[in-house]
Amino acid sequence: MARIEESDAVKALRREVTRRRFLQLMMGGGAALVARCAPAPPPEPTPTTAPPPPGATPTPVPPTPTPAAVAGTGTFIYSGGQDIPTLDPRDRGDYSINCMMRAVYDSLWWQEGWPPKLSPNVCTHYEVSDDVREWIFHLDDRAVFHDGTPLTADAVEWTLKGILEFQRPRAANILPVMDEDSIEVVDDYTLRIVLTTPFADLPWLLGYQGQTFIANPEEVMAHESNGDKGETWLLENAAGSGPFKIKRWEPGTVYELEAVEDYWRGWPAEGRLDGVIWRIIRDSAERRMALLAGEIDAADTVAADDLSLIDDNPGTHTEVNAGFLSFYIRMNNQKEPFTDVNFRKFMAHAFDYEGFVATQGGPQLAPLLTGCLPDGVPGHDPSVQPVYRQDLEKAREYLDKTEWADGGFDLDFVYVTGLPFEEAMGTMLAEPLAQFGITLNLVPKVWPDMVAMSTFPDTGADTICIADDLGPVAAQWMRYEYYSKFWDKPEGGSFESASFYKNPDFDALLEQAEGTADEEERLALVKDMQRLVMEDIPSIMVYTIPNMLGFSDRVKGYDYTGYIALDFWPLRIEEA
């Protein structure tokens, strides 16, 4: 059965329900899911209080590494439907990129557990000034890249400055609070960052989902071609210091890693993997069948209907954990008819929220969003904003205020091929739209194509299903998803901003919030931003999905990282 910890409240609830109903409740995320051995993250510090260094609160995961040699236990075969288009830490991230980067690179911190917290990796500790502008990071002097080069503050500086210079999606995290002049190497293992504006959550900006993967500048620049600073080489190669290195790279088919036996942090004493094979299987049902047949050891993005099939099968089980991964239907606000806020409100009232939830096993497995931020993000407050649910009478009222009231046209809905829950989302929008004379075409695409088309409004889809997991800092959600300067620039934006929302009042509020060190003032601004977004409704806010993985019972050592990307380091294979 699904392996999930229980709170006292859930234990009491368990006495009142059947075992099967209990599993359904526990798999739902939200209030029913509780911490996997990790305390709640501390509140954001005030401007006169330095946040505690990472690791000050004990983190029970991952296991303690041993410096002694650890024998390999076998190769772990993982299957996902998403490719890995780059291994450049200066470029962008999504769950497949971040998962593979966590394997081949090290970061300043790792994110662990739920609710998520940071544990030290290359950064052992730090100091911060009372005004949260000056930060001094101390690095682990044991860290070495795969070619034997020491990982020093120079490499961290080079990586951060590269992120800022490239101004790709990863830069959106740090551009508001630092520039290249902010970063200074003090000595080989000490780095100083002086922010351009106070920001108390800097460790989360640099650590959530391993945001700052540290590359070996010498190795990258040795492969520079035509002034690209190694970017082309990093499409299929890595220059990291992590526990694995690349063995085989066949985009669209299979990606293979081999363990670094003398990895500088060591390995769990219980055992380690010899390697990892990431096998592309686009369709979730095919991934489930491969798992049940013993062809793979893990399947990601398991469909709700497949949970019981996997749990009831001898030799396999599921892991279901709460998270921030939230699904939205982005409407292209720069393309008609979505330029009209009344049409967007029509869409938001037309979508069949309850019908969609029913296709996903009910509200415990598919809790609906109550705003533009998921539950659990500090500052989320559904009381300050309208919450949209299906109301076809209201939908008609808003449609009649537009020039498209008579229907008679087509729109496209783009979603990831092979993901039935995304297809179901499209169906629950297509059916009510048909009642208004509007045809919604369901268009499946592979994820890299969806990312590429979401760079600019002109190439953006009419509507597109996008999932985001931007962590416990509200400003991050607001910047990536709704800040116009994130996408309205020569190099364009990324999939998070595929609604291409533009409201100068919102932009000003975000900039004010990011420059405010006082927590109470910052959260008040977050509420104002939520109100604006929900009144303008640039996207249809759908639901938060628990992270659902299927495993072979021979896989041991799994620790939940707090988001969808798996950590391969603690895993081992134990045959029955």
Protein backbone atom coordinates (compact mmCIF):
# COMPACT_ATOMS: atom_id res chain seq x y z
CA MET A 1 0.00 0.00 0.00
CA ALA A 2 1.02 3.63 -0.26
CA ARG A 3 3.67 4.37 2.35
CA ILE A 4 2.70 7.60 4.08
CA GLU A 5 3.11 8.88 7.61
CA GLU A 6 0.05 9.73 9.75
CA SER A 7 -0.77 12.65 12.02
CA ASP A 8 -2.84 12.19 15.20
CA ALA A 9 -5.85 13.63 13.41
CA VAL A 10 -5.50 11.16 10.57
CA LYS A 11 -5.09 8.28 13.01
CA ALA A 12 -8.39 9.29 14.57
CA LEU A 13 -9.96 9.48 11.14
CA ARG A 14 -8.65 6.05 10.29
CA ARG A 15 -10.74 4.46 13.00
CA GLU A 16 -13.87 5.72 11.24
CA VAL A 17 -13.23 4.54 7.71
CA THR A 18 -12.44 1.36 5.86
CA ARG A 19 -8.91 0.48 4.87
CA ARG A 20 -9.57 1.27 1.22
CA ARG A 21 -11.22 4.59 2.03
CA PHE A 22 -8.30 5.39 4.33
CA LEU A 23 -5.86 4.87 1.49
CA GLN A 24 -7.93 7.13 -0.73
CA LEU A 25 -7.90 9.86 1.91
CA MET A 26 -4.23 9.52 2.64
CA MET A 27 -3.22 9.67 -0.98
CA GLY A 28 -4.89 12.99 -1.49
CA GLY A 29 -2.33 15.53 -0.33
CA GLY A 30 -3.57 18.67 1.41
CA ALA A 31 -4.44 18.33 5.09
CA ALA A 32 -4.50 14.54 5.02
CA LEU A 33 -0.85 14.26 4.11
CA VAL A 34 1.68 15.20 6.75
CA ALA A 35 5.41 15.62 7.09
CA ARG A 36 7.73 12.78 6.19
CA CYS A 37 10.01 13.20 9.18
CA ALA A 38 10.65 16.90 8.50
CA PRO A 39 9.55 19.85 10.62
CA ALA A 40 7.57 22.71 9.11
CA PRO A 41 9.86 25.32 7.53
CA PRO A 42 10.57 28.25 9.84
CA PRO A 43 8.69 31.49 9.24
CA GLU A 44 10.39 34.07 7.06
CA PRO A 45 12.82 36.12 9.17
CA THR A 46 12.30 39.76 10.02
CA PRO A 47 14.84 42.24 8.63
CA THR A 48 16.71 42.30 11.95
CA THR A 49 16.86 38.53 12.46
CA ALA A 50 19.28 36.37 10.52
CA PRO A 51 17.72 33.16 9.25
CA PRO A 52 19.24 30.06 10.81
CA PRO A 53 21.92 28.33 8.77
CA PRO A 54 20.73 25.35 6.74
CA GLY A 55 20.88 22.16 8.73
CA ALA A 56 20.43 23.93 12.09
CA THR A 57 17.21 21.95 12.47
CA PRO A 58 17.99 18.22 12.16
CA THR A 59 17.02 16.72 8.82
CA PRO A 60 16.37 12.96 9.09
CA VAL A 61 16.73 12.50 5.32
CA PRO A 62 18.88 11.57 3.49
CA PRO A 63 20.92 8.82 5.22
CA THR A 64 24.32 9.69 6.62
CA PRO A 65 27.03 8.99 4.02
CA THR A 66 30.09 6.94 4.84
CA PRO A 67 33.58 7.74 3.48
CA ALA A 68 34.29 4.00 3.20
CA ALA A 69 33.95 2.21 -0.12
CA VAL A 70 30.37 1.06 -0.73
CA ALA A 71 29.52 -1.76 -3.11
CA GLY A 72 27.10 -1.22 -5.94
CA THR A 73 23.83 -3.16 -5.81
CA GLY A 74 22.62 -2.96 -9.39
CA THR A 75 21.26 -0.60 -12.02
CA PHE A 76 18.03 1.27 -11.35
CA ILE A 77 15.70 1.55 -14.37
CA TYR A 78 13.48 4.60 -14.15
CA SER A 79 10.80 5.49 -16.65
CA GLY A 80 9.35 8.90 -17.39
CA GLY A 81 7.56 10.51 -20.29
CA GLN A 82 9.70 13.62 -20.42
CA ASP A 83 13.02 14.25 -22.13
CA ILE A 84 16.07 16.04 -20.71
CA PRO A 85 16.82 18.81 -23.21
CA THR A 86 19.82 20.38 -21.45
CA LEU A 87 22.29 19.89 -18.62
CA ASP A 88 23.39 23.53 -18.54
CA PRO A 89 22.96 24.95 -15.00
CA ARG A 90 22.70 28.45 -16.52
CA ASP A 91 19.67 27.66 -18.63
CA ARG A 92 16.38 26.35 -17.21
CA GLY A 93 14.84 23.64 -15.10
CA ASP A 94 11.86 21.32 -15.03
CA TYR A 95 11.35 18.06 -13.20
CA SER A 96 13.33 15.88 -15.63
CA ILE A 97 16.17 18.39 -15.98
CA ASN A 98 16.35 18.94 -12.21
CA CYS A 99 16.20 15.21 -11.50
CA MET A 100 19.14 14.48 -13.79
CA MET A 101 21.07 17.55 -12.63
CA ARG A 102 20.68 16.47 -9.02
CA ALA A 103 22.40 13.24 -10.05
CA VAL A 104 25.35 14.74 -11.94
CA TYR A 105 25.86 18.08 -10.16
CA ASP A 106 26.03 19.33 -6.60
CA SER A 107 24.14 22.36 -5.34
CA LEU A 108 24.62 24.78 -2.46
CA TRP A 109 21.78 23.00 -0.65
CA TRP A 110 19.39 20.16 -1.31
CA GLN A 111 15.70 20.34 -0.70
CA GLU A 112 14.38 17.49 1.43
CA GLY A 113 11.11 16.23 2.90
CA TRP A 114 7.66 17.69 3.35
CA PRO A 115 7.05 20.44 4.21
CA PRO A 116 10.26 21.14 2.27
CA LYS A 117 13.37 22.33 4.05
CA LEU A 118 16.95 22.87 2.99
CA SER A 119 19.83 20.62 3.99
CA PRO A 120 23.47 21.52 3.35
CA ASN A 121 25.35 20.23 0.34
CA VAL A 122 28.28 22.34 -0.92
CA CYS A 123 27.35 25.21 1.41
CA THR A 124 28.07 24.09 4.96
CA HIS A 125 26.88 27.28 6.69
CA TYR A 126 26.41 31.00 6.13
CA GLU A 127 26.14 34.38 7.82
CA VAL A 128 23.78 37.21 6.92
CA SER A 129 23.63 40.88 7.89
CA ASP A 130 20.76 42.30 9.93
CA ASP A 131 19.32 44.04 6.86
CA VAL A 132 19.46 40.72 4.89
CA ARG A 133 21.53 42.30 2.11
CA GLU A 134 24.98 40.80 2.69
CA TRP A 135 25.40 37.03 2.74
CA ILE A 136 28.60 35.07 3.28
CA PHE A 137 28.59 31.42 2.24
CA HIS A 138 31.13 28.86 3.44
CA LEU A 139 31.79 25.90 1.16
CA ASP A 140 32.80 22.31 1.83
CA ASP A 141 36.49 21.97 1.03
CA ARG A 142 36.08 18.26 0.22
CA ALA A 143 34.06 18.90 -2.93
CA VAL A 144 35.69 17.95 -6.25
CA PHE A 145 34.46 17.80 -9.82
CA HIS A 146 34.49 14.54 -11.75
CA ASP A 147 37.81 15.44 -13.42
CA GLY A 148 39.46 15.92 -10.01
CA THR A 149 39.35 19.74 -10.06
CA PRO A 150 38.44 21.19 -6.63
CA LEU A 151 35.00 22.78 -6.46
CA THR A 152 35.77 26.24 -5.13
CA ALA A 153 34.04 29.58 -4.71
CA ASP A 154 35.29 30.49 -8.20
CA ALA A 155 33.04 27.79 -9.68
CA VAL A 156 30.03 29.01 -7.71
CA GLU A 157 30.74 32.58 -8.82
CA TRP A 158 31.13 31.50 -12.46
CA THR A 159 27.85 29.57 -12.38
CA LEU A 160 25.86 32.37 -10.76
CA LYS A 161 27.30 35.01 -13.07
CA GLY A 162 26.55 32.76 -16.02
CA ILE A 163 22.92 32.48 -14.94
CA LEU A 164 22.71 36.27 -14.73
CA GLU A 165 24.48 36.77 -18.06
CA PHE A 166 22.39 34.24 -19.99
CA GLN A 167 19.11 35.59 -18.56
CA ARG A 168 17.33 32.30 -19.25
CA PRO A 169 14.52 31.05 -16.99
CA ARG A 170 16.86 30.19 -14.10
CA ALA A 171 17.85 33.85 -13.94
CA ALA A 172 14.30 34.86 -13.01
CA ASN A 173 14.95 33.72 -9.45
CA ILE A 174 17.94 35.94 -8.79
CA LEU A 175 17.83 38.85 -11.25
CA PRO A 176 15.51 40.88 -9.00
CA VAL A 177 17.93 40.75 -6.07
CA MET A 178 21.45 40.65 -7.49
CA ASP A 179 23.63 41.47 -10.47
CA GLU A 180 27.06 40.26 -11.52
CA ASP A 181 28.73 42.86 -9.32
CA SER A 182 26.92 41.39 -6.29
CA ILE A 183 29.05 38.24 -6.28
CA GLU A 184 32.56 38.24 -4.85
CA VAL A 185 35.03 35.45 -4.10
CA VAL A 186 36.55 36.01 -0.66
CA ASP A 187 38.83 32.96 -0.75
CA ASP A 188 38.76 29.45 -2.21
CA TYR A 189 35.90 28.36 0.01
CA THR A 190 34.11 31.59 0.91
CA LEU A 191 31.70 33.55 -1.28
CA ARG A 192 30.11 36.93 -0.53
CA ILE A 193 26.87 38.10 -2.16
CA VAL A 194 25.70 41.67 -1.58
CA LEU A 195 22.14 41.95 -2.81
CA THR A 196 20.88 44.91 -4.78
CA THR A 197 17.76 44.83 -2.61
CA PRO A 198 17.05 43.11 0.73
CA PHE A 199 15.71 39.59 0.42
CA ALA A 200 15.30 37.31 3.41
CA ASP A 201 14.58 34.15 1.40
CA LEU A 202 17.84 34.05 -0.59
CA PRO A 203 18.68 30.46 0.48
CA TRP A 204 15.38 29.29 -0.99
CA LEU A 205 16.10 31.12 -4.25
CA LEU A 206 19.43 29.33 -4.49
CA GLY A 207 18.35 25.99 -3.04
CA TYR A 208 14.78 25.09 -3.98
CA GLN A 209 14.86 22.08 -6.31
CA GLY A 210 18.64 22.50 -6.40
CA GLN A 211 18.32 25.83 -8.18
CA THR A 212 22.08 26.48 -8.17
CA PHE A 213 23.75 23.47 -9.77
CA ILE A 214 27.47 24.19 -9.79
CA ALA A 215 29.40 23.59 -13.01
CA ASN A 216 33.14 23.17 -13.60
CA PRO A 217 34.05 26.32 -15.55
CA GLU A 218 37.32 24.91 -16.92
CA GLU A 219 35.64 21.85 -18.39
CA VAL A 220 32.71 23.81 -19.83
CA MET A 221 34.87 26.48 -21.43
CA ALA A 222 37.18 23.83 -22.89
CA HIS A 223 34.21 22.84 -25.04
CA GLU A 224 33.23 26.34 -26.14
CA SER A 225 32.19 26.52 -29.79
CA ASN A 226 31.74 29.74 -31.76
CA GLY A 227 31.50 31.81 -28.61
CA ASP A 228 28.65 29.78 -27.08
CA LYS A 229 30.47 29.38 -23.72
CA GLY A 230 29.94 25.63 -23.79
CA GLU A 231 26.17 25.79 -24.11
CA THR A 232 25.97 23.41 -27.09
CA TRP A 233 28.22 20.85 -25.40
CA LEU A 234 26.04 20.93 -22.28
CA LEU A 235 23.00 19.82 -24.25
CA GLU A 236 24.27 16.24 -23.95
CA ASN A 237 27.16 16.47 -21.49
CA ALA A 238 27.70 17.60 -17.90
CA ALA A 239 30.55 19.19 -15.97
CA GLY A 240 29.56 18.35 -12.45
CA SER A 241 30.67 16.91 -9.15
CA GLY A 242 27.59 14.84 -8.30
CA PRO A 243 27.26 11.16 -7.39
CA PHE A 244 26.74 10.06 -11.01
CA LYS A 245 28.20 10.86 -14.40
CA ILE A 246 26.91 10.33 -17.93
CA LYS A 247 27.45 6.95 -19.58
CA ARG A 248 24.98 7.10 -22.48
CA TRP A 249 22.83 9.93 -23.84
CA GLU A 250 20.22 9.16 -26.53
CA PRO A 251 17.66 12.01 -26.48
CA GLY A 252 14.09 10.85 -26.86
CA THR A 253 14.96 7.24 -26.02
CA VAL A 254 17.25 6.56 -23.08
CA TYR A 255 19.66 8.36 -20.77
CA GLU A 256 22.15 6.34 -18.71
CA LEU A 257 24.30 7.29 -15.73
CA GLU A 258 27.05 5.44 -13.89
CA ALA A 259 27.95 5.92 -10.25
CA VAL A 260 31.05 7.85 -9.22
CA GLU A 261 32.46 5.26 -6.85
CA ASP A 262 34.63 7.74 -4.93
CA TYR A 263 32.00 10.48 -4.80
CA TRP A 264 33.34 13.16 -2.46
CA ARG A 265 30.35 13.10 -0.07
CA GLY A 266 30.38 9.33 0.15
CA TRP A 267 27.46 6.92 -0.16
CA PRO A 268 24.89 5.45 2.23
CA ALA A 269 26.49 2.61 4.16
CA GLU A 270 23.58 0.30 3.27
CA GLY A 271 24.55 0.31 -0.41
CA ARG A 272 24.39 2.34 -3.59
CA LEU A 273 23.36 1.99 -7.20
CA ASP A 274 25.80 0.99 -9.93
CA GLY A 275 23.95 3.25 -12.30
CA VAL A 276 20.64 4.65 -13.51
CA ILE A 277 18.81 4.18 -16.79
CA TRP A 278 16.15 6.80 -17.59
CA ARG A 279 13.91 5.14 -20.16
CA ILE A 280 11.44 7.26 -22.08
CA ILE A 281 7.92 5.80 -22.14
CA ARG A 282 5.49 8.54 -23.13
CA ASP A 283 2.23 6.93 -22.06
CA SER A 284 1.49 6.53 -18.33
CA ALA A 285 -0.48 3.30 -18.90
CA GLU A 286 2.50 1.82 -20.73
CA ARG A 287 4.78 2.86 -17.85
CA ARG A 288 2.44 1.10 -15.41
CA MET A 289 2.43 -2.07 -17.53
CA ALA A 290 6.23 -2.03 -17.76
CA LEU A 291 6.46 -1.72 -13.97
CA LEU A 292 4.04 -4.56 -13.35
CA ALA A 293 5.94 -6.71 -15.86
CA GLY A 294 9.23 -6.09 -14.05
CA GLU A 295 10.78 -4.27 -17.02
CA ILE A 296 11.45 -1.10 -15.01
CA ASP A 297 12.04 -0.30 -11.34
CA ALA A 298 10.07 2.96 -11.12
CA ALA A 299 7.40 4.81 -13.06
CA ASP A 300 6.77 8.51 -12.63
CA THR A 301 3.53 10.54 -12.91
CA VAL A 302 1.37 7.53 -12.11
CA ALA A 303 -2.28 8.04 -12.99
CA ALA A 304 -4.79 7.93 -10.13
CA ASP A 305 -6.53 4.93 -11.69
CA ASP A 306 -3.25 3.00 -11.62
CA LEU A 307 -2.52 3.35 -7.90
CA SER A 308 -4.55 0.36 -6.75
CA LEU A 309 -3.31 -1.75 -9.69
CA ILE A 310 0.27 -1.15 -8.61
CA ASP A 311 -0.37 -1.54 -4.88
CA ASP A 312 -2.35 -4.75 -5.36
CA ASN A 313 0.33 -6.32 -7.54
CA PRO A 314 2.85 -8.56 -5.72
CA GLY A 315 6.27 -6.95 -5.89
CA THR A 316 5.26 -3.34 -6.56
CA HIS A 317 3.99 -0.42 -4.52
CA THR A 318 3.29 3.29 -4.82
CA GLU A 319 4.66 6.32 -3.01
CA VAL A 320 2.17 9.19 -2.77
CA ASN A 321 3.23 12.47 -1.19
CA ALA A 322 1.87 15.98 -0.92
CA GLY A 323 3.55 18.72 -2.91
CA PHE A 324 3.18 22.11 -4.53
CA LEU A 325 2.85 20.76 -8.08
CA SER A 326 -0.16 22.66 -9.40
CA PHE A 327 -1.90 22.50 -12.76
CA TYR A 328 -3.22 25.46 -14.69
CA ILE A 329 -4.81 26.03 -18.06
CA ARG A 330 -2.84 28.97 -19.38
CA MET A 331 -4.75 31.27 -21.73
CA ASN A 332 -2.67 33.36 -24.12
CA ASN A 333 -3.56 36.86 -22.89
CA GLN A 334 -1.85 38.50 -25.87
CA LYS A 335 -3.95 36.64 -28.44
CA GLU A 336 -7.63 37.13 -29.22
CA PRO A 337 -10.10 36.27 -27.80
CA PHE A 338 -8.10 36.04 -24.55
CA THR A 339 -7.13 39.70 -24.72
CA ASP A 340 -10.62 40.36 -23.33
CA VAL A 341 -10.87 39.76 -19.58
CA ASN A 342 -14.56 38.95 -19.99
CA PHE A 343 -13.71 36.07 -22.31
CA ARG A 344 -11.19 34.78 -19.78
CA LYS A 345 -13.84 34.96 -17.05
CA PHE A 346 -16.21 33.09 -19.38
CA MET A 347 -13.59 30.33 -19.73
CA ALA A 348 -12.97 30.17 -15.99
CA HIS A 349 -16.69 29.76 -15.30
CA ALA A 350 -17.18 27.25 -18.13
CA PHE A 351 -14.55 24.72 -17.03
CA ASP A 352 -16.06 21.68 -15.29
CA TYR A 353 -13.95 21.58 -12.11
CA GLU A 354 -16.03 18.96 -10.29
CA GLY A 355 -16.25 16.80 -13.38
CA PHE A 356 -12.48 16.84 -13.68
CA VAL A 357 -12.02 15.98 -10.00
CA ALA A 358 -14.33 12.98 -10.46
CA THR A 359 -12.07 11.65 -13.23
CA GLN A 360 -9.10 11.77 -10.86
CA GLY A 361 -10.51 9.77 -7.96
CA GLY A 362 -12.20 12.57 -6.01
CA PRO A 363 -11.16 15.68 -4.09
CA GLN A 364 -8.62 13.90 -1.91
CA LEU A 365 -6.55 12.89 -4.93
CA ALA A 366 -7.26 16.08 -6.84
CA PRO A 367 -7.77 19.03 -4.46
CA LEU A 368 -8.89 22.09 -6.38
CA LEU A 369 -6.87 25.29 -6.18
CA THR A 370 -8.52 28.12 -4.28
CA GLY A 371 -6.50 30.86 -5.92
CA CYS A 372 -3.38 31.46 -7.95
CA LEU A 373 -1.15 30.09 -5.16
CA PRO A 374 -1.40 26.51 -3.89
CA ASP A 375 -2.35 25.83 -0.29
CA GLY A 376 0.70 25.83 1.97
CA VAL A 377 2.58 28.69 0.31
CA PRO A 378 2.94 31.44 2.96
CA GLY A 379 0.65 34.31 2.04
CA HIS A 380 -1.94 32.20 0.24
CA ASP A 381 -5.36 33.55 1.20
CA PRO A 382 -8.49 32.50 -0.73
CA SER A 383 -10.57 35.07 1.16
CA VAL A 384 -9.02 38.03 -0.67
CA GLN A 385 -9.93 36.88 -4.16
CA PRO A 386 -12.75 35.36 -6.20
CA VAL A 387 -12.62 31.57 -6.57
CA TYR A 388 -13.94 30.35 -9.90
CA ARG A 389 -16.12 27.27 -10.23
CA GLN A 390 -18.36 26.11 -13.05
CA ASP A 391 -21.39 28.34 -13.47
CA LEU A 392 -22.72 28.27 -17.03
CA GLU A 393 -25.12 31.15 -16.42
CA LYS A 394 -22.25 33.40 -15.34
CA ALA A 395 -20.22 32.07 -18.24
CA ARG A 396 -22.95 33.19 -20.64
CA GLU A 397 -23.12 36.63 -18.99
CA TYR A 398 -19.40 37.19 -19.48
CA LEU A 399 -19.37 35.78 -23.02
CA ASP A 400 -22.20 38.13 -24.01
CA LYS A 401 -19.97 41.06 -23.02
CA THR A 402 -17.47 40.09 -25.73
CA GLU A 403 -17.49 40.22 -29.52
CA TRP A 404 -17.32 36.43 -29.60
CA ALA A 405 -20.73 35.80 -28.05
CA ASP A 406 -22.04 33.85 -31.07
CA GLY A 407 -19.27 31.27 -31.02
CA GLY A 408 -18.53 29.55 -34.31
CA PHE A 409 -14.74 29.30 -33.98
CA ASP A 410 -12.04 26.86 -32.87
CA LEU A 411 -9.44 27.05 -30.12
CA ASP A 412 -6.56 24.67 -29.35
CA PHE A 413 -5.76 23.03 -26.03
CA VAL A 414 -2.17 21.76 -25.88
CA TYR A 415 -1.16 19.09 -23.36
CA VAL A 416 1.59 16.54 -22.75
CA THR A 417 1.12 13.47 -24.88
CA GLY A 418 0.50 10.30 -22.88
CA LEU A 419 -0.79 12.02 -19.73
CA PRO A 420 -4.47 11.05 -19.39
CA PHE A 421 -5.18 13.51 -16.57
CA GLU A 422 -4.10 16.41 -18.78
CA GLU A 423 -6.27 15.07 -21.60
CA ALA A 424 -9.16 14.84 -19.12
CA MET A 425 -8.60 18.49 -18.25
CA GLY A 426 -9.03 19.37 -21.91
CA THR A 427 -12.18 17.29 -22.17
CA MET A 428 -13.70 19.04 -19.17
CA LEU A 429 -13.18 22.34 -20.95
CA ALA A 430 -14.16 21.17 -24.45
CA GLU A 431 -17.56 19.81 -23.46
CA PRO A 432 -18.96 23.01 -21.91
CA LEU A 433 -17.40 25.19 -24.62
CA ALA A 434 -19.29 23.17 -27.22
CA GLN A 435 -22.54 24.33 -25.60
CA PHE A 436 -21.54 27.88 -26.57
CA GLY A 437 -20.64 26.98 -30.14
CA ILE A 438 -16.89 26.92 -29.53
CA THR A 439 -14.79 23.93 -30.60
CA LEU A 440 -11.76 23.11 -28.47
CA ASN A 441 -9.23 20.93 -30.29
CA LEU A 442 -7.16 18.70 -28.02
CA VAL A 443 -3.55 18.80 -29.30
CA PRO A 444 -1.03 16.43 -27.65
CA LYS A 445 2.66 17.38 -27.85
CA VAL A 446 5.91 16.24 -26.28
CA TRP A 447 7.10 18.48 -23.46
CA PRO A 448 10.14 20.09 -25.17
CA ASP A 449 7.88 21.25 -28.00
CA MET A 450 5.48 22.77 -25.47
CA VAL A 451 8.34 24.61 -23.79
CA ALA A 452 9.62 25.92 -27.12
CA MET A 453 6.23 27.23 -28.23
CA SER A 454 5.74 28.99 -24.88
CA THR A 455 8.71 31.33 -25.31
CA PHE A 456 6.83 34.12 -27.12
CA PRO A 457 3.15 35.13 -27.37
CA ASP A 458 3.15 34.80 -31.16
CA THR A 459 4.07 31.13 -30.96
CA GLY A 460 2.14 30.43 -27.76
CA ALA A 461 -0.85 28.11 -27.70
CA ASP A 462 -4.40 29.39 -27.34
CA THR A 463 -4.65 27.34 -24.17
CA ILE A 464 -2.05 25.01 -22.72
CA CYS A 465 -1.89 22.74 -19.68
CA ILE A 466 1.07 23.74 -17.52
CA ALA A 467 2.17 22.36 -14.15
CA ASP A 468 4.36 24.45 -11.85
CA ASP A 469 6.16 23.71 -8.60
CA LEU A 470 7.85 26.90 -7.43
CA GLY A 471 8.22 26.17 -3.76
CA PRO A 472 7.30 27.90 -0.51
CA VAL A 473 8.10 31.50 -1.54
CA ALA A 474 5.06 33.35 -2.91
CA ALA A 475 7.14 35.88 -4.84
CA GLN A 476 8.58 33.06 -6.93
CA TRP A 477 5.15 31.95 -8.11
CA MET A 478 4.19 35.50 -8.89
CA ARG A 479 7.39 36.29 -10.78
CA TYR A 480 7.54 33.20 -12.96
CA GLU A 481 3.85 33.05 -13.76
CA TYR A 482 2.55 36.61 -13.92
CA TYR A 483 5.38 39.16 -14.00
CA SER A 484 5.41 40.57 -17.53
CA LYS A 485 9.14 41.34 -17.50
CA PHE A 486 9.78 37.61 -17.16
CA TRP A 487 8.48 36.99 -20.69
CA ASP A 488 8.35 40.42 -22.37
CA LYS A 489 12.03 40.60 -23.29
CA PRO A 490 14.06 39.79 -26.42
CA GLU A 491 14.84 36.21 -25.36
CA GLY A 492 11.23 35.57 -24.33
CA GLY A 493 9.98 33.64 -21.31
CA SER A 494 9.35 30.04 -20.37
CA PHE A 495 6.47 27.65 -19.90
CA GLU A 496 5.57 29.07 -16.48
CA SER A 497 4.59 32.38 -18.08
CA ALA A 498 2.64 30.87 -20.99
CA SER A 499 -0.40 33.04 -20.17
CA PHE A 500 1.68 36.11 -21.17
CA TYR A 501 -0.11 38.18 -18.56
CA LYS A 502 0.70 41.88 -18.48
CA ASN A 503 -0.54 44.27 -15.81
CA PRO A 504 1.74 47.19 -14.80
CA ASP A 505 0.03 47.44 -11.41
CA PHE A 506 0.84 43.82 -10.69
CA ASP A 507 4.45 44.26 -11.83
CA ALA A 508 4.87 47.23 -9.49
CA LEU A 509 3.45 45.27 -6.54
CA LEU A 510 5.83 42.38 -7.14
CA GLU A 511 8.84 44.65 -7.38
CA GLN A 512 7.78 46.36 -4.16
CA ALA A 513 7.30 43.00 -2.39
CA GLU A 514 10.70 41.67 -3.48
CA GLY A 515 12.36 44.79 -2.08
CA THR A 516 10.55 44.60 1.27
CA ALA A 517 12.42 42.90 4.11
CA ASP A 518 9.55 43.15 6.59
CA GLU A 519 7.58 39.91 6.52
CA GLU A 520 4.20 41.39 7.45
CA GLU A 521 4.43 44.09 4.78
CA ARG A 522 5.58 41.55 2.20
CA LEU A 523 2.67 39.19 2.86
CA ALA A 524 0.20 42.09 2.62
CA LEU A 525 1.57 42.81 -0.85
CA VAL A 526 1.25 39.13 -1.73
CA LYS A 527 -2.47 39.34 -0.93
CA ASP A 528 -2.83 42.38 -3.17
CA MET A 529 -1.13 40.50 -6.00
CA GLN A 530 -3.45 37.54 -5.57
CA ARG A 531 -6.47 39.81 -5.77
CA LEU A 532 -5.26 41.38 -9.02
CA VAL A 533 -4.46 38.05 -10.64
CA MET A 534 -7.79 36.49 -9.75
CA GLU A 535 -9.70 39.53 -10.97
CA ASP A 536 -7.81 39.46 -14.27
CA ILE A 537 -7.88 35.60 -14.35
CA PRO A 538 -5.03 35.07 -16.87
CA SER A 539 -5.21 31.29 -16.33
CA ILE A 540 -7.77 28.76 -15.20
CA MET A 541 -6.58 27.62 -11.77
CA VAL A 542 -7.29 23.88 -11.63
CA TYR A 543 -5.73 21.66 -8.95
CA THR A 544 -2.71 20.49 -6.99
CA ILE A 545 -1.59 16.96 -7.64
CA PRO A 546 0.16 14.75 -5.10
CA ASN A 547 3.45 13.33 -6.32
CA MET A 548 2.71 9.75 -7.31
CA LEU A 549 5.43 7.24 -8.14
CA GLY A 550 5.30 3.50 -8.69
CA PHE A 551 8.19 1.33 -7.47
CA SER A 552 9.41 -2.23 -7.59
CA ASP A 553 9.75 -3.63 -4.07
CA ARG A 554 13.41 -4.35 -4.81
CA VAL A 555 14.13 -0.61 -4.67
CA LYS A 556 15.16 0.50 -1.20
CA GLY A 557 16.23 3.79 0.37
CA TYR A 558 13.66 6.09 -1.23
CA ASP A 559 13.40 9.50 0.44
CA TYR A 560 10.87 12.08 -0.71
CA THR A 561 12.57 15.29 -1.82
CA GLY A 562 9.48 17.48 -1.51
CA TYR A 563 8.88 17.65 -5.24
CA ILE A 564 8.45 15.36 -8.22
CA ALA A 565 12.13 14.92 -9.13
CA LEU A 566 13.67 11.80 -7.63
CA ASP A 567 17.01 11.67 -5.79
CA PHE A 568 18.99 8.64 -6.99
CA TRP A 569 21.79 8.97 -4.41
CA PRO A 570 20.13 7.14 -1.47
CA LEU A 571 18.68 4.30 -3.57
CA ARG A 572 19.87 0.72 -3.69
CA ILE A 573 18.62 -2.57 -5.12
CA GLU A 574 17.80 -5.51 -2.84
CA GLU A 575 16.58 -8.69 -4.47
CA ALA A 576 14.02 -10.70 -2.51
